[in-house]
Amino acid sequence: MKAPHVCRWILGAWALVALLAGSLAAQTADTLVLSLRECEARALKHNPLVNDAQLSVRQAELKYQEAVAAAVLPKFELTNMWGLLPRARARYTPTGVLTSPDTSTGLGDLRPFTQVDVDMLQPIYTFGKLKGLRQAAASGIEVSQAQVEKRREEVRLLVRKFYWGIVLGNELLNVLQDVRSKMDEAEEKINEKLDEGDESVSQNDLFKLQIFRYQVEKQYRKIV
């Protein structure tokens, strides 16, 4: 392989390695090895956005149950009023008129007052209101479930980007190691030709190769 060809091949490989040097820099020798499915499963299990979306589904299901129960179960209302009121006495006069010696504004004889009302409401016919409520609640469940799946797909996409980025980076790391080996061979051949006085190579070729070596070694140190 001629020196210029070696230099071009090394330069192309170095450009590919540089693309993922930053993403691979954080890897260590004892990194846990996981398959793509295992990475996706872990990400889906612990992702807060997915968990929040699943909670929204549960809330929508509870609203649907309330809508169904509203058409069957009666609704009870309990009202309790209490306070202090002036004393209220009443008597009829001989002419049949109801009178009282007490006044509604008097504060001299306040007494406790309480009143409890219990009401029961049983829907019989609501002109489609309860049916519409159930349909809206059912649609809410579908929307929440679709949101969960959307979040899950977003997480899967991110995991796959990172996963295959690391896989590609590891492959490029292997390429880089092969490049280093070929650079050693190329430099040795150039030095031999220079020693022999071969005019097909020059010190400039050796200088270019050394520049490429420096760049490759720089990227290699970032990765490992």
N, C-alpha and C. Protein backbone atom coordinates (compact mmCIF):
# COMPACT_ATOMS: atom_id res chain seq x y z
N MET A 1 0.85 -1.19 0.00
CA MET A 1 0.00 0.00 0.00
C MET A 1 0.89 1.24 0.00
N LYS A 2 0.65 2.15 -0.97
CA LYS A 2 1.45 3.34 -1.04
C LYS A 2 1.09 4.28 0.09
N ALA A 3 2.06 5.10 0.47
CA ALA A 3 1.87 5.99 1.62
C ALA A 3 0.68 6.93 1.45
N PRO A 4 0.48 7.58 0.27
CA PRO A 4 -0.67 8.47 0.13
C PRO A 4 -1.99 7.75 0.33
N HIS A 5 -2.11 6.51 -0.20
CA HIS A 5 -3.34 5.74 -0.02
C HIS A 5 -3.56 5.41 1.45
N VAL A 6 -2.49 5.05 2.12
CA VAL A 6 -2.60 4.77 3.55
C VAL A 6 -3.11 6.00 4.30
N CYS A 7 -2.59 7.16 3.94
CA CYS A 7 -2.99 8.39 4.62
C CYS A 7 -4.47 8.69 4.40
N ARG A 8 -4.95 8.51 3.16
CA ARG A 8 -6.36 8.79 2.89
C ARG A 8 -7.26 7.81 3.63
N TRP A 9 -6.87 6.54 3.68
CA TRP A 9 -7.67 5.53 4.39
C TRP A 9 -7.73 5.84 5.88
N ILE A 10 -6.60 6.23 6.43
CA ILE A 10 -6.55 6.57 7.85
C ILE A 10 -7.40 7.80 8.14
N LEU A 11 -7.35 8.79 7.25
CA LEU A 11 -8.12 10.01 7.46
C LEU A 11 -9.62 9.73 7.45
N GLY A 12 -10.08 8.86 6.54
CA GLY A 12 -11.50 8.51 6.50
C GLY A 12 -11.94 7.78 7.75
N ALA A 13 -11.14 6.85 8.20
CA ALA A 13 -11.48 6.12 9.42
C ALA A 13 -11.49 7.04 10.63
N TRP A 14 -10.55 7.95 10.66
CA TRP A 14 -10.51 8.90 11.79
C TRP A 14 -11.76 9.77 11.82
N ALA A 15 -12.26 10.18 10.66
CA ALA A 15 -13.47 11.01 10.61
C ALA A 15 -14.67 10.27 11.17
N LEU A 16 -14.79 8.97 10.85
CA LEU A 16 -15.90 8.18 11.39
C LEU A 16 -15.79 8.03 12.90
N VAL A 17 -14.61 7.77 13.37
CA VAL A 17 -14.41 7.59 14.82
C VAL A 17 -14.75 8.86 15.57
N ALA A 18 -14.43 10.00 15.01
CA ALA A 18 -14.66 11.28 15.69
C ALA A 18 -16.14 11.54 15.93
N LEU A 19 -17.02 10.93 15.12
CA LEU A 19 -18.45 11.18 15.26
C LEU A 19 -18.98 10.72 16.61
N LEU A 20 -18.47 9.59 17.09
CA LEU A 20 -18.99 9.02 18.33
C LEU A 20 -17.99 9.06 19.47
N ALA A 21 -16.95 9.78 19.32
CA ALA A 21 -15.95 9.83 20.39
C ALA A 21 -16.54 10.39 21.67
N GLY A 22 -17.37 11.43 21.54
CA GLY A 22 -17.95 12.03 22.73
C GLY A 22 -18.90 11.11 23.45
N SER A 23 -19.75 10.36 22.71
CA SER A 23 -20.74 9.50 23.35
C SER A 23 -20.12 8.28 23.99
N LEU A 24 -18.94 7.88 23.53
CA LEU A 24 -18.31 6.69 24.09
C LEU A 24 -17.33 7.01 25.21
N ALA A 25 -17.04 8.27 25.41
CA ALA A 25 -16.02 8.64 26.39
C ALA A 25 -16.39 8.23 27.80
N ALA A 26 -17.71 8.14 28.08
CA ALA A 26 -18.15 7.84 29.45
C ALA A 26 -18.16 6.34 29.75
N GLN A 27 -17.91 5.50 28.78
CA GLN A 27 -17.95 4.07 29.02
C GLN A 27 -16.72 3.62 29.81
N THR A 28 -16.89 2.59 30.62
CA THR A 28 -15.80 2.03 31.40
C THR A 28 -15.67 0.55 31.08
N ALA A 29 -14.55 -0.02 31.55
CA ALA A 29 -14.29 -1.42 31.24
C ALA A 29 -15.28 -2.36 31.90
N ASP A 30 -15.88 -1.95 33.04
CA ASP A 30 -16.81 -2.82 33.75
C ASP A 30 -18.26 -2.45 33.49
N THR A 31 -18.56 -1.87 32.33
CA THR A 31 -19.92 -1.49 31.98
C THR A 31 -20.81 -2.73 31.92
N LEU A 32 -22.03 -2.62 32.49
CA LEU A 32 -22.98 -3.73 32.46
C LEU A 32 -23.43 -3.98 31.02
N VAL A 33 -23.39 -5.22 30.59
CA VAL A 33 -23.77 -5.59 29.23
C VAL A 33 -25.25 -5.96 29.21
N LEU A 34 -26.04 -5.24 28.40
CA LEU A 34 -27.47 -5.49 28.29
C LEU A 34 -27.85 -5.57 26.82
N SER A 35 -28.86 -6.37 26.53
CA SER A 35 -29.39 -6.42 25.17
C SER A 35 -30.30 -5.21 24.95
N LEU A 36 -30.70 -5.01 23.70
CA LEU A 36 -31.58 -3.89 23.39
C LEU A 36 -32.91 -4.03 24.12
N ARG A 37 -33.47 -5.23 24.14
CA ARG A 37 -34.75 -5.44 24.84
C ARG A 37 -34.62 -5.18 26.34
N GLU A 38 -33.51 -5.58 26.91
CA GLU A 38 -33.30 -5.34 28.35
C GLU A 38 -33.17 -3.84 28.64
N CYS A 39 -32.49 -3.13 27.76
CA CYS A 39 -32.37 -1.68 27.93
C CYS A 39 -33.74 -1.01 27.83
N GLU A 40 -34.54 -1.44 26.86
CA GLU A 40 -35.87 -0.87 26.70
C GLU A 40 -36.74 -1.17 27.92
N ALA A 41 -36.67 -2.41 28.41
CA ALA A 41 -37.48 -2.78 29.57
C ALA A 41 -37.12 -1.95 30.80
N ARG A 42 -35.84 -1.74 31.03
CA ARG A 42 -35.41 -0.94 32.18
C ARG A 42 -35.85 0.51 32.03
N ALA A 43 -35.71 1.04 30.84
CA ALA A 43 -36.09 2.43 30.62
C ALA A 43 -37.59 2.63 30.78
N LEU A 44 -38.40 1.69 30.28
CA LEU A 44 -39.85 1.81 30.39
C LEU A 44 -40.31 1.65 31.84
N LYS A 45 -39.61 0.83 32.59
CA LYS A 45 -40.01 0.57 33.99
C LYS A 45 -39.75 1.78 34.87
N HIS A 46 -38.68 2.50 34.63
CA HIS A 46 -38.27 3.57 35.54
C HIS A 46 -38.50 4.97 34.97
N ASN A 47 -39.06 5.09 33.77
CA ASN A 47 -39.25 6.41 33.18
C ASN A 47 -40.43 7.13 33.84
N PRO A 48 -40.23 8.33 34.39
CA PRO A 48 -41.32 9.03 35.09
C PRO A 48 -42.44 9.46 34.16
N LEU A 49 -42.14 9.77 32.90
CA LEU A 49 -43.19 10.18 31.97
C LEU A 49 -44.15 9.04 31.68
N VAL A 50 -43.61 7.83 31.52
CA VAL A 50 -44.46 6.66 31.30
C VAL A 50 -45.30 6.37 32.54
N ASN A 51 -44.69 6.47 33.71
CA ASN A 51 -45.42 6.21 34.96
C ASN A 51 -46.55 7.21 35.15
N ASP A 52 -46.31 8.47 34.83
CA ASP A 52 -47.36 9.49 34.95
C ASP A 52 -48.50 9.21 33.97
N ALA A 53 -48.16 8.80 32.76
CA ALA A 53 -49.20 8.49 31.77
C ALA A 53 -50.03 7.29 32.22
N GLN A 54 -49.40 6.28 32.82
CA GLN A 54 -50.15 5.13 33.32
C GLN A 54 -51.07 5.52 34.47
N LEU A 55 -50.64 6.46 35.30
CA LEU A 55 -51.49 6.96 36.38
C LEU A 55 -52.71 7.68 35.81
N SER A 56 -52.53 8.38 34.70
CA SER A 56 -53.65 9.06 34.06
C SER A 56 -54.68 8.06 33.55
N VAL A 57 -54.22 6.90 33.08
CA VAL A 57 -55.15 5.85 32.65
C VAL A 57 -55.99 5.36 33.82
N ARG A 58 -55.35 5.15 34.96
CA ARG A 58 -56.07 4.71 36.15
C ARG A 58 -57.11 5.74 36.58
N GLN A 59 -56.76 7.00 36.52
CA GLN A 59 -57.70 8.06 36.88
C GLN A 59 -58.88 8.09 35.91
N ALA A 60 -58.62 7.89 34.63
CA ALA A 60 -59.70 7.86 33.64
C ALA A 60 -60.62 6.66 33.88
N GLU A 61 -60.06 5.52 34.27
CA GLU A 61 -60.88 4.35 34.57
C GLU A 61 -61.78 4.59 35.77
N LEU A 62 -61.27 5.28 36.78
CA LEU A 62 -62.08 5.60 37.95
C LEU A 62 -63.23 6.55 37.58
N LYS A 63 -62.97 7.50 36.70
CA LYS A 63 -64.03 8.40 36.25
C LYS A 63 -65.10 7.64 35.48
N TYR A 64 -64.68 6.64 34.70
CA TYR A 64 -65.66 5.84 33.97
C TYR A 64 -66.53 5.04 34.94
N GLN A 65 -65.91 4.47 35.97
CA GLN A 65 -66.68 3.74 36.98
C GLN A 65 -67.68 4.65 37.68
N GLU A 66 -67.29 5.88 37.95
CA GLU A 66 -68.21 6.83 38.56
C GLU A 66 -69.38 7.15 37.62
N ALA A 67 -69.08 7.27 36.32
CA ALA A 67 -70.14 7.56 35.36
C ALA A 67 -71.13 6.41 35.25
N VAL A 68 -70.63 5.17 35.31
CA VAL A 68 -71.52 4.00 35.27
C VAL A 68 -72.36 3.92 36.53
N ALA A 69 -71.74 4.17 37.68
CA ALA A 69 -72.46 4.10 38.95
C ALA A 69 -73.51 5.19 39.06
N ALA A 70 -73.30 6.32 38.41
CA ALA A 70 -74.26 7.42 38.50
C ALA A 70 -75.61 7.06 37.92
N ALA A 71 -75.65 6.10 36.99
CA ALA A 71 -76.92 5.70 36.37
C ALA A 71 -77.64 4.63 37.17
N VAL A 72 -76.99 4.03 38.16
CA VAL A 72 -77.58 2.92 38.91
C VAL A 72 -77.77 3.27 40.37
N LEU A 73 -76.75 3.78 40.99
CA LEU A 73 -76.79 4.03 42.43
C LEU A 73 -77.42 5.39 42.73
N PRO A 74 -78.25 5.47 43.76
CA PRO A 74 -78.82 6.77 44.15
C PRO A 74 -77.75 7.66 44.76
N LYS A 75 -78.02 8.94 44.71
CA LYS A 75 -77.11 9.92 45.27
C LYS A 75 -77.70 10.49 46.55
N PHE A 76 -76.96 10.39 47.62
CA PHE A 76 -77.42 10.89 48.91
C PHE A 76 -76.74 12.22 49.22
N GLU A 77 -77.56 13.14 49.77
CA GLU A 77 -77.04 14.43 50.19
C GLU A 77 -77.49 14.70 51.62
N LEU A 78 -76.55 15.03 52.46
CA LEU A 78 -76.83 15.33 53.86
C LEU A 78 -76.46 16.78 54.13
N THR A 79 -77.44 17.54 54.63
CA THR A 79 -77.22 18.95 54.94
C THR A 79 -77.50 19.19 56.41
N ASN A 80 -76.56 19.76 57.10
CA ASN A 80 -76.70 20.04 58.54
C ASN A 80 -76.48 21.53 58.76
N MET A 81 -77.48 22.19 59.33
CA MET A 81 -77.39 23.60 59.65
C MET A 81 -77.54 23.77 61.16
N TRP A 82 -76.74 24.62 61.73
CA TRP A 82 -76.85 24.87 63.16
C TRP A 82 -76.40 26.30 63.45
N GLY A 83 -76.81 26.77 64.63
CA GLY A 83 -76.46 28.13 65.01
C GLY A 83 -77.22 28.55 66.26
N LEU A 84 -77.27 29.84 66.52
CA LEU A 84 -77.98 30.42 67.66
C LEU A 84 -79.09 31.32 67.14
N LEU A 85 -80.30 31.12 67.69
CA LEU A 85 -81.46 31.92 67.28
C LEU A 85 -82.16 32.48 68.52
N PRO A 86 -82.83 33.62 68.38
CA PRO A 86 -83.61 34.14 69.51
C PRO A 86 -84.77 33.20 69.84
N ARG A 87 -85.20 33.24 71.08
CA ARG A 87 -86.34 32.42 71.51
C ARG A 87 -87.58 32.82 70.72
N ALA A 88 -88.33 31.81 70.30
CA ALA A 88 -89.54 32.08 69.50
C ALA A 88 -90.73 31.37 70.14
N ARG A 89 -91.62 32.14 70.79
CA ARG A 89 -92.86 31.61 71.36
C ARG A 89 -94.03 32.15 70.56
N ALA A 90 -95.08 31.39 70.52
CA ALA A 90 -96.25 31.82 69.74
C ALA A 90 -97.53 31.36 70.44
N ARG A 91 -98.56 32.18 70.27
CA ARG A 91 -99.88 31.81 70.80
C ARG A 91 -100.94 32.53 69.96
N TYR A 92 -102.10 31.93 69.99
CA TYR A 92 -103.21 32.51 69.24
C TYR A 92 -104.04 33.40 70.15
N THR A 93 -104.43 34.50 69.62
CA THR A 93 -105.34 35.41 70.35
C THR A 93 -106.76 34.87 70.23
N PRO A 94 -107.67 35.38 71.06
CA PRO A 94 -109.07 34.93 70.95
C PRO A 94 -109.65 35.11 69.56
N THR A 95 -109.09 36.00 68.81
CA THR A 95 -109.61 36.22 67.45
C THR A 95 -108.93 35.33 66.41
N GLY A 96 -108.01 34.46 66.86
CA GLY A 96 -107.36 33.53 65.94
C GLY A 96 -106.11 34.06 65.28
N VAL A 97 -105.55 35.12 65.81
CA VAL A 97 -104.32 35.68 65.24
C VAL A 97 -103.12 35.10 65.99
N LEU A 98 -102.11 34.67 65.23
CA LEU A 98 -100.89 34.11 65.83
C LEU A 98 -99.95 35.26 66.18
N THR A 99 -99.59 35.33 67.46
CA THR A 99 -98.70 36.39 67.93
C THR A 99 -97.59 35.79 68.76
N SER A 100 -96.54 36.60 68.98
CA SER A 100 -95.40 36.16 69.79
C SER A 100 -94.88 37.33 70.59
N PRO A 101 -94.56 37.08 71.86
CA PRO A 101 -93.96 38.16 72.65
C PRO A 101 -92.48 38.38 72.32
N ASP A 102 -91.88 37.46 71.54
CA ASP A 102 -90.46 37.56 71.20
C ASP A 102 -90.29 38.26 69.85
N THR A 103 -89.10 38.82 69.66
CA THR A 103 -88.77 39.48 68.39
C THR A 103 -87.60 38.75 67.72
N SER A 104 -87.56 38.86 66.40
CA SER A 104 -86.48 38.19 65.65
C SER A 104 -85.14 38.88 65.81
N THR A 105 -85.14 40.09 66.33
CA THR A 105 -83.89 40.84 66.50
C THR A 105 -83.40 40.87 67.93
N GLY A 106 -84.12 40.25 68.82
CA GLY A 106 -83.71 40.26 70.21
C GLY A 106 -82.56 39.31 70.46
N LEU A 107 -81.61 39.73 71.27
CA LEU A 107 -80.43 38.93 71.58
C LEU A 107 -80.36 38.55 73.05
N GLY A 108 -81.41 38.82 73.76
CA GLY A 108 -81.36 38.55 75.20
C GLY A 108 -81.60 37.11 75.56
N ASP A 109 -82.21 36.34 74.66
CA ASP A 109 -82.54 34.94 74.99
C ASP A 109 -82.21 34.05 73.79
N LEU A 110 -80.92 33.93 73.49
CA LEU A 110 -80.47 33.10 72.36
C LEU A 110 -80.48 31.62 72.75
N ARG A 111 -80.89 30.79 71.80
CA ARG A 111 -80.93 29.36 72.05
C ARG A 111 -80.35 28.62 70.84
N PRO A 112 -79.77 27.44 71.10
CA PRO A 112 -79.19 26.68 69.97
C PRO A 112 -80.26 26.18 69.01
N PHE A 113 -79.85 26.13 67.75
CA PHE A 113 -80.76 25.65 66.71
C PHE A 113 -79.99 24.71 65.78
N THR A 114 -80.63 23.63 65.38
CA THR A 114 -80.01 22.71 64.41
C THR A 114 -81.08 22.12 63.51
N GLN A 115 -80.66 21.84 62.28
CA GLN A 115 -81.58 21.24 61.31
C GLN A 115 -80.79 20.30 60.41
N VAL A 116 -81.29 19.09 60.23
CA VAL A 116 -80.64 18.08 59.40
C VAL A 116 -81.59 17.68 58.29
N ASP A 117 -81.12 17.78 57.05
CA ASP A 117 -81.91 17.37 55.88
C ASP A 117 -81.18 16.25 55.16
N VAL A 118 -81.89 15.19 54.83
CA VAL A 118 -81.34 14.07 54.07
C VAL A 118 -82.13 13.95 52.78
N ASP A 119 -81.43 14.04 51.64
CA ASP A 119 -82.08 13.94 50.34
C ASP A 119 -81.49 12.76 49.57
N MET A 120 -82.32 12.04 48.86
CA MET A 120 -81.88 10.93 48.00
C MET A 120 -82.35 11.21 46.58
N LEU A 121 -81.38 11.18 45.65
CA LEU A 121 -81.68 11.44 44.25
C LEU A 121 -81.44 10.17 43.44
N GLN A 122 -82.47 9.70 42.76
CA GLN A 122 -82.36 8.50 41.93
C GLN A 122 -82.66 8.87 40.48
N PRO A 123 -81.62 8.83 39.60
CA PRO A 123 -81.87 9.17 38.19
C PRO A 123 -82.84 8.17 37.56
N ILE A 124 -83.84 8.68 36.87
CA ILE A 124 -84.79 7.83 36.15
C ILE A 124 -84.62 8.02 34.65
N TYR A 125 -84.69 9.24 34.22
CA TYR A 125 -84.46 9.55 32.81
C TYR A 125 -83.76 10.90 32.74
N THR A 126 -82.59 10.92 32.14
CA THR A 126 -81.78 12.14 32.13
C THR A 126 -81.60 12.72 30.72
N PHE A 127 -82.42 12.26 29.77
CA PHE A 127 -82.38 12.78 28.40
C PHE A 127 -80.98 12.62 27.77
N GLY A 128 -80.34 11.48 28.05
CA GLY A 128 -79.04 11.18 27.43
C GLY A 128 -77.85 11.77 28.14
N LYS A 129 -78.07 12.46 29.25
CA LYS A 129 -76.95 13.08 29.95
C LYS A 129 -75.99 12.04 30.51
N LEU A 130 -76.52 11.00 31.16
CA LEU A 130 -75.65 9.97 31.74
C LEU A 130 -74.96 9.15 30.65
N LYS A 131 -75.67 8.90 29.54
CA LYS A 131 -75.05 8.18 28.44
C LYS A 131 -73.87 8.96 27.87
N GLY A 132 -74.07 10.25 27.70
CA GLY A 132 -72.98 11.09 27.22
C GLY A 132 -71.82 11.13 28.19
N LEU A 133 -72.14 11.09 29.50
CA LEU A 133 -71.09 11.08 30.51
C LEU A 133 -70.26 9.81 30.42
N ARG A 134 -70.93 8.67 30.22
CA ARG A 134 -70.21 7.40 30.08
C ARG A 134 -69.35 7.39 28.82
N GLN A 135 -69.88 7.89 27.73
CA GLN A 135 -69.11 7.92 26.49
C GLN A 135 -67.88 8.82 26.61
N ALA A 136 -68.06 9.94 27.28
CA ALA A 136 -66.92 10.85 27.48
C ALA A 136 -65.86 10.20 28.35
N ALA A 137 -66.30 9.49 29.40
CA ALA A 137 -65.35 8.82 30.29
C ALA A 137 -64.62 7.70 29.55
N ALA A 138 -65.34 6.95 28.70
CA ALA A 138 -64.71 5.88 27.93
C ALA A 138 -63.69 6.46 26.94
N SER A 139 -64.03 7.58 26.32
CA SER A 139 -63.09 8.23 25.41
C SER A 139 -61.86 8.72 26.17
N GLY A 140 -62.06 9.15 27.41
CA GLY A 140 -60.93 9.58 28.23
C GLY A 140 -59.95 8.45 28.48
N ILE A 141 -60.48 7.23 28.66
CA ILE A 141 -59.60 6.07 28.86
C ILE A 141 -58.78 5.81 27.60
N GLU A 142 -59.44 5.87 26.44
CA GLU A 142 -58.73 5.62 25.18
C GLU A 142 -57.63 6.66 24.94
N VAL A 143 -57.95 7.91 25.24
CA VAL A 143 -56.95 8.97 25.06
C VAL A 143 -55.76 8.75 26.00
N SER A 144 -56.05 8.38 27.24
CA SER A 144 -54.97 8.16 28.22
C SER A 144 -54.10 6.97 27.80
N GLN A 145 -54.73 5.90 27.31
CA GLN A 145 -53.97 4.73 26.86
C GLN A 145 -53.10 5.08 25.65
N ALA A 146 -53.64 5.90 24.75
CA ALA A 146 -52.85 6.32 23.59
C ALA A 146 -51.66 7.17 24.03
N GLN A 147 -51.86 7.97 25.07
CA GLN A 147 -50.76 8.79 25.59
C GLN A 147 -49.67 7.92 26.20
N VAL A 148 -50.08 6.84 26.88
CA VAL A 148 -49.10 5.91 27.44
C VAL A 148 -48.26 5.29 26.33
N GLU A 149 -48.92 4.83 25.28
CA GLU A 149 -48.19 4.19 24.18
C GLU A 149 -47.28 5.19 23.48
N LYS A 150 -47.73 6.43 23.38
CA LYS A 150 -46.89 7.47 22.78
C LYS A 150 -45.62 7.67 23.60
N ARG A 151 -45.78 7.75 24.91
CA ARG A 151 -44.61 7.92 25.78
C ARG A 151 -43.67 6.72 25.69
N ARG A 152 -44.25 5.53 25.61
CA ARG A 152 -43.43 4.32 25.52
C ARG A 152 -42.62 4.31 24.22
N GLU A 153 -43.25 4.73 23.14
CA GLU A 153 -42.54 4.76 21.85
C GLU A 153 -41.43 5.81 21.88
N GLU A 154 -41.69 6.93 22.54
CA GLU A 154 -40.64 7.96 22.65
C GLU A 154 -39.44 7.42 23.42
N VAL A 155 -39.71 6.69 24.50
CA VAL A 155 -38.62 6.12 25.30
C VAL A 155 -37.87 5.07 24.48
N ARG A 156 -38.61 4.21 23.78
CA ARG A 156 -37.96 3.19 22.94
C ARG A 156 -37.05 3.84 21.90
N LEU A 157 -37.53 4.91 21.29
CA LEU A 157 -36.74 5.57 20.25
C LEU A 157 -35.43 6.11 20.82
N LEU A 158 -35.51 6.73 21.99
CA LEU A 158 -34.30 7.26 22.62
C LEU A 158 -33.33 6.14 22.98
N VAL A 159 -33.87 5.05 23.54
CA VAL A 159 -33.02 3.93 23.92
C VAL A 159 -32.32 3.35 22.70
N ARG A 160 -33.07 3.19 21.61
CA ARG A 160 -32.48 2.61 20.40
C ARG A 160 -31.40 3.52 19.81
N LYS A 161 -31.63 4.82 19.88
CA LYS A 161 -30.60 5.74 19.38
C LYS A 161 -29.31 5.59 20.18
N PHE A 162 -29.44 5.58 21.50
CA PHE A 162 -28.25 5.45 22.34
C PHE A 162 -27.61 4.07 22.17
N TYR A 163 -28.45 3.04 22.12
CA TYR A 163 -27.93 1.66 22.05
C TYR A 163 -27.13 1.46 20.77
N TRP A 164 -27.75 1.79 19.63
CA TRP A 164 -27.05 1.55 18.37
C TRP A 164 -25.90 2.53 18.18
N GLY A 165 -25.97 3.69 18.82
CA GLY A 165 -24.83 4.60 18.80
C GLY A 165 -23.62 3.99 19.49
N ILE A 166 -23.89 3.32 20.63
CA ILE A 166 -22.80 2.67 21.35
C ILE A 166 -22.26 1.47 20.57
N VAL A 167 -23.18 0.70 19.96
CA VAL A 167 -22.74 -0.44 19.16
C VAL A 167 -21.85 0.03 18.01
N LEU A 168 -22.30 1.07 17.32
CA LEU A 168 -21.49 1.59 16.22
C LEU A 168 -20.16 2.13 16.73
N GLY A 169 -20.20 2.77 17.89
CA GLY A 169 -18.97 3.30 18.46
C GLY A 169 -17.97 2.20 18.78
N ASN A 170 -18.47 1.09 19.30
CA ASN A 170 -17.57 -0.03 19.59
C ASN A 170 -16.96 -0.60 18.31
N GLU A 171 -17.78 -0.64 17.25
CA GLU A 171 -17.24 -1.12 15.98
C GLU A 171 -16.16 -0.16 15.46
N LEU A 172 -16.43 1.13 15.60
CA LEU A 172 -15.43 2.10 15.15
C LEU A 172 -14.17 2.05 16.00
N LEU A 173 -14.35 1.70 17.28
CA LEU A 173 -13.18 1.54 18.13
C LEU A 173 -12.29 0.41 17.63
N ASN A 174 -12.92 -0.67 17.18
CA ASN A 174 -12.15 -1.77 16.60
C ASN A 174 -11.44 -1.32 15.32
N VAL A 175 -12.16 -0.51 14.52
CA VAL A 175 -11.54 0.02 13.30
C VAL A 175 -10.34 0.89 13.65
N LEU A 176 -10.51 1.70 14.70
CA LEU A 176 -9.43 2.60 15.11
C LEU A 176 -8.20 1.82 15.55
N GLN A 177 -8.43 0.73 16.25
CA GLN A 177 -7.30 -0.09 16.68
C GLN A 177 -6.58 -0.70 15.48
N ASP A 178 -7.36 -1.07 14.46
CA ASP A 178 -6.76 -1.59 13.24
C ASP A 178 -5.99 -0.49 12.51
N VAL A 179 -6.54 0.73 12.54
CA VAL A 179 -5.86 1.86 11.92
C VAL A 179 -4.51 2.09 12.56
N ARG A 180 -4.46 2.02 13.88
CA ARG A 180 -3.19 2.24 14.59
C ARG A 180 -2.14 1.22 14.15
N SER A 181 -2.61 -0.02 13.98
CA SER A 181 -1.68 -1.06 13.55
C SER A 181 -1.15 -0.79 12.14
N LYS A 182 -2.05 -0.39 11.24
CA LYS A 182 -1.63 -0.12 9.86
C LYS A 182 -0.75 1.12 9.79
N MET A 183 -1.00 2.07 10.68
CA MET A 183 -0.14 3.26 10.70
C MET A 183 1.29 2.90 11.08
N ASP A 184 1.41 1.97 12.02
CA ASP A 184 2.76 1.52 12.39
C ASP A 184 3.46 0.90 11.18
N GLU A 185 2.71 0.08 10.43
CA GLU A 185 3.30 -0.56 9.25
C GLU A 185 3.68 0.49 8.20
N ALA A 186 2.75 1.47 8.00
CA ALA A 186 3.02 2.49 6.98
C ALA A 186 4.23 3.34 7.35
N GLU A 187 4.33 3.71 8.62
CA GLU A 187 5.47 4.53 9.04
C GLU A 187 6.78 3.76 8.88
N GLU A 188 6.73 2.48 9.19
CA GLU A 188 7.94 1.66 9.04
C GLU A 188 8.37 1.58 7.58
N LYS A 189 7.38 1.42 6.67
CA LYS A 189 7.72 1.34 5.25
C LYS A 189 8.27 2.67 4.72
N ILE A 190 7.66 3.78 5.18
CA ILE A 190 8.15 5.08 4.73
C ILE A 190 9.58 5.31 5.19
N ASN A 191 9.86 4.95 6.43
CA ASN A 191 11.23 5.12 6.95
C ASN A 191 12.21 4.25 6.17
N GLU A 192 11.80 3.03 5.82
CA GLU A 192 12.68 2.16 5.04
C GLU A 192 12.98 2.77 3.67
N LYS A 193 11.93 3.31 3.02
CA LYS A 193 12.14 3.90 1.70
C LYS A 193 13.01 5.14 1.79
N LEU A 194 12.81 5.93 2.85
CA LEU A 194 13.66 7.11 3.01
C LEU A 194 15.11 6.72 3.21
N ASP A 195 15.33 5.66 3.99
CA ASP A 195 16.70 5.19 4.21
C ASP A 195 17.33 4.68 2.91
N GLU A 196 16.49 4.11 2.04
CA GLU A 196 16.99 3.58 0.77
C GLU A 196 17.14 4.66 -0.29
N GLY A 197 16.64 5.87 0.03
CA GLY A 197 16.72 6.95 -0.95
C GLY A 197 15.66 6.87 -2.02
N ASP A 198 14.57 6.18 -1.75
CA ASP A 198 13.47 6.05 -2.72
C ASP A 198 12.80 7.41 -2.89
N GLU A 199 12.71 7.88 -4.14
CA GLU A 199 12.14 9.20 -4.41
C GLU A 199 10.61 9.19 -4.43
N SER A 200 9.97 8.02 -4.32
CA SER A 200 8.50 7.97 -4.31
C SER A 200 7.91 8.48 -3.01
N VAL A 201 8.75 8.62 -1.98
CA VAL A 201 8.29 9.15 -0.69
C VAL A 201 9.22 10.27 -0.28
N SER A 202 8.72 11.08 0.66
CA SER A 202 9.53 12.19 1.15
C SER A 202 9.26 12.39 2.63
N GLN A 203 10.05 13.29 3.21
CA GLN A 203 9.83 13.62 4.62
C GLN A 203 8.44 14.23 4.82
N ASN A 204 7.92 14.86 3.79
CA ASN A 204 6.57 15.44 3.88
C ASN A 204 5.52 14.36 4.08
N ASP A 205 5.69 13.21 3.40
CA ASP A 205 4.77 12.08 3.59
C ASP A 205 4.82 11.58 5.03
N LEU A 206 6.04 11.49 5.54
CA LEU A 206 6.19 11.03 6.92
C LEU A 206 5.56 12.02 7.90
N PHE A 207 5.71 13.30 7.60
CA PHE A 207 5.14 14.33 8.46
C PHE A 207 3.61 14.25 8.45
N LYS A 208 2.99 14.07 7.27
CA LYS A 208 1.54 13.94 7.19
C LYS A 208 1.05 12.72 7.97
N LEU A 209 1.77 11.62 7.84
CA LEU A 209 1.38 10.41 8.56
C LEU A 209 1.45 10.62 10.06
N GLN A 210 2.44 11.33 10.51
CA GLN A 210 2.57 11.59 11.95
C GLN A 210 1.45 12.50 12.45
N ILE A 211 1.01 13.43 11.61
CA ILE A 211 -0.13 14.28 11.98
C ILE A 211 -1.39 13.43 12.13
N PHE A 212 -1.61 12.52 11.17
CA PHE A 212 -2.76 11.62 11.26
C PHE A 212 -2.68 10.76 12.51
N ARG A 213 -1.49 10.29 12.80
CA ARG A 213 -1.31 9.46 14.00
C ARG A 213 -1.71 10.25 15.26
N TYR A 214 -1.29 11.50 15.30
CA TYR A 214 -1.61 12.33 16.47
C TYR A 214 -3.13 12.48 16.62
N GLN A 215 -3.82 12.73 15.51
CA GLN A 215 -5.28 12.89 15.57
C GLN A 215 -5.97 11.60 15.99
N VAL A 216 -5.51 10.48 15.43
CA VAL A 216 -6.11 9.19 15.79
C VAL A 216 -5.88 8.86 17.25
N GLU A 217 -4.67 9.08 17.72
CA GLU A 217 -4.36 8.80 19.12
C GLU A 217 -5.18 9.70 20.05
N LYS A 218 -5.40 10.92 19.62
CA LYS A 218 -6.21 11.85 20.41
C LYS A 218 -7.64 11.33 20.56
N GLN A 219 -8.24 10.88 19.46
CA GLN A 219 -9.59 10.32 19.52
C GLN A 219 -9.62 9.02 20.31
N TYR A 220 -8.59 8.23 20.16
CA TYR A 220 -8.54 6.96 20.88
C TYR A 220 -8.51 7.19 22.39
N ARG A 221 -7.74 8.17 22.83
CA ARG A 221 -7.68 8.47 24.27
C ARG A 221 -9.02 8.97 24.80
N LYS A 222 -9.77 9.69 23.96
CA LYS A 222 -11.09 10.15 24.38
C LYS A 222 -12.05 8.98 24.60
N ILE A 223 -11.91 7.97 23.77
CA ILE A 223 -12.83 6.83 23.84
C ILE A 223 -12.51 5.92 25.00
N VAL A 224 -11.23 5.56 25.13
CA VAL A 224 -10.84 4.59 26.15
C VAL A 224 -10.58 5.26 27.48
